[in-house]
C-alpha cells in the first residue's frame, strides 16, 4: 500500500501535538495568526456549520 493511501485513511489530518506550537505562529507570523483567529471565530460561530 502506498504512503499516500495510508495517510488518506487516518482519522486526523493533523497530529494533536502540532497544536501545542500554535503560539509560535503568533510570534513568527502575527498577521497570519490574526487572520486565522478571525476565520476560526467566524467559522465556528453558532449556526455556521451543520451538525450532520
C-alpha atoms as a PDB file:
ATOM      1  CA  UNK A   1       0.000   0.000   0.000  1.00  0.00           C
ATOM      2  CA  UNK A   2       1.371   3.427  -0.882  1.00  0.00           C
ATOM      3  CA  UNK A   3       2.210   6.052   1.725  1.00  0.00           C
ATOM      4  CA  UNK A   4      -0.451   8.404   0.278  1.00  0.00           C
ATOM      5  CA  UNK A   5      -3.178   5.802   0.804  1.00  0.00           C
ATOM      6  CA  UNK A   6      -2.082   5.231   4.394  1.00  0.00           C
ATOM      7  CA  UNK A   7      -2.190   8.964   5.102  1.00  0.00           C
ATOM      8  CA  UNK A   8      -5.618   9.297   3.483  1.00  0.00           C
ATOM      9  CA  UNK A   9      -7.022   6.536   5.699  1.00  0.00           C
ATOM     10  CA  UNK A  10      -6.012   8.163   9.003  1.00  0.00           C
ATOM     11  CA  UNK A  11      -8.764   9.760  11.071  1.00  0.00           C
ATOM     12  CA  UNK A  12      -6.973  13.052  11.808  1.00  0.00           C
ATOM     13  CA  UNK A  13      -5.365  15.289   9.238  1.00  0.00           C
ATOM     14  CA  UNK A  14      -3.012  16.808  11.806  1.00  0.00           C
ATOM     15  CA  UNK A  15      -1.416  15.419  14.928  1.00  0.00           C
ATOM     16  CA  UNK A  16      -2.689  16.967  18.159  1.00  0.00           C
ATOM     17  CA  UNK A  17       0.886  17.802  19.107  1.00  0.00           C
ATOM     18  CA  UNK A  18       1.009  20.317  16.245  1.00  0.00           C
ATOM     19  CA  UNK A  19      -1.473  22.495  18.112  1.00  0.00           C
ATOM     20  CA  UNK A  20       0.947  22.796  21.015  1.00  0.00           C
ATOM     21  CA  UNK A  21       3.011  25.029  18.739  1.00  0.00           C
ATOM     22  CA  UNK A  22       0.227  27.421  17.665  1.00  0.00           C
ATOM     23  CA  UNK A  23       1.689  30.151  19.877  1.00  0.00           C
ATOM     24  CA  UNK A  24       4.775  30.195  17.668  1.00  0.00           C
ATOM     25  CA  UNK A  25       2.613  31.323  14.762  1.00  0.00           C
ATOM     26  CA  UNK A  26       1.548  34.440  16.658  1.00  0.00           C
ATOM     27  CA  UNK A  27       5.211  35.379  17.076  1.00  0.00           C
ATOM     28  CA  UNK A  28       6.602  34.315  13.701  1.00  0.00           C
ATOM     29  CA  UNK A  29       3.657  35.413  11.533  1.00  0.00           C
ATOM     30  CA  UNK A  30       1.409  37.743  13.538  1.00  0.00           C
ATOM     31  CA  UNK A  31      -0.754  38.855  10.587  1.00  0.00           C
ATOM     32  CA  UNK A  32      -1.376  35.262   9.537  1.00  0.00           C
ATOM     33  CA  UNK A  33      -2.195  34.317  13.120  1.00  0.00           C
ATOM     34  CA  UNK A  34      -4.695  37.187  13.430  1.00  0.00           C
ATOM     35  CA  UNK A  35      -6.361  36.093  10.180  1.00  0.00           C
ATOM     36  CA  UNK A  36      -6.538  32.504  11.440  1.00  0.00           C
ATOM     37  CA  UNK A  37      -8.124  33.572  14.735  1.00  0.00           C
ATOM     38  CA  UNK A  38     -10.676  35.708  12.884  1.00  0.00           C
ATOM     39  CA  UNK A  39     -11.523  32.859  10.488  1.00  0.00           C
ATOM     40  CA  UNK A  40     -11.777  30.368  13.352  1.00  0.00           C
ATOM     41  CA  UNK A  41     -14.131  32.640  15.284  1.00  0.00           C
ATOM     42  CA  UNK A  42     -16.401  33.168  12.272  1.00  0.00           C
ATOM     43  CA  UNK A  43     -16.342  29.566  11.069  1.00  0.00           C
ATOM     44  CA  UNK A  44     -17.194  28.150  14.482  1.00  0.00           C
ATOM     45  CA  UNK A  45     -19.825  30.723  15.438  1.00  0.00           C
ATOM     46  CA  UNK A  46     -23.335  29.471  16.136  1.00  0.00           C
ATOM     47  CA  UNK A  47     -25.175  28.303  13.028  1.00  0.00           C
ATOM     48  CA  UNK A  48     -22.252  28.447  10.591  1.00  0.00           C
ATOM     49  CA  UNK A  49     -21.565  24.699  10.461  1.00  0.00           C
ATOM     50  CA  UNK A  50     -24.151  21.991  10.065  1.00  0.00           C
ATOM     51  CA  UNK A  51     -24.413  19.411  12.823  1.00  0.00           C
ATOM     52  CA  UNK A  52     -24.849  16.486  10.437  1.00  0.00           C
END
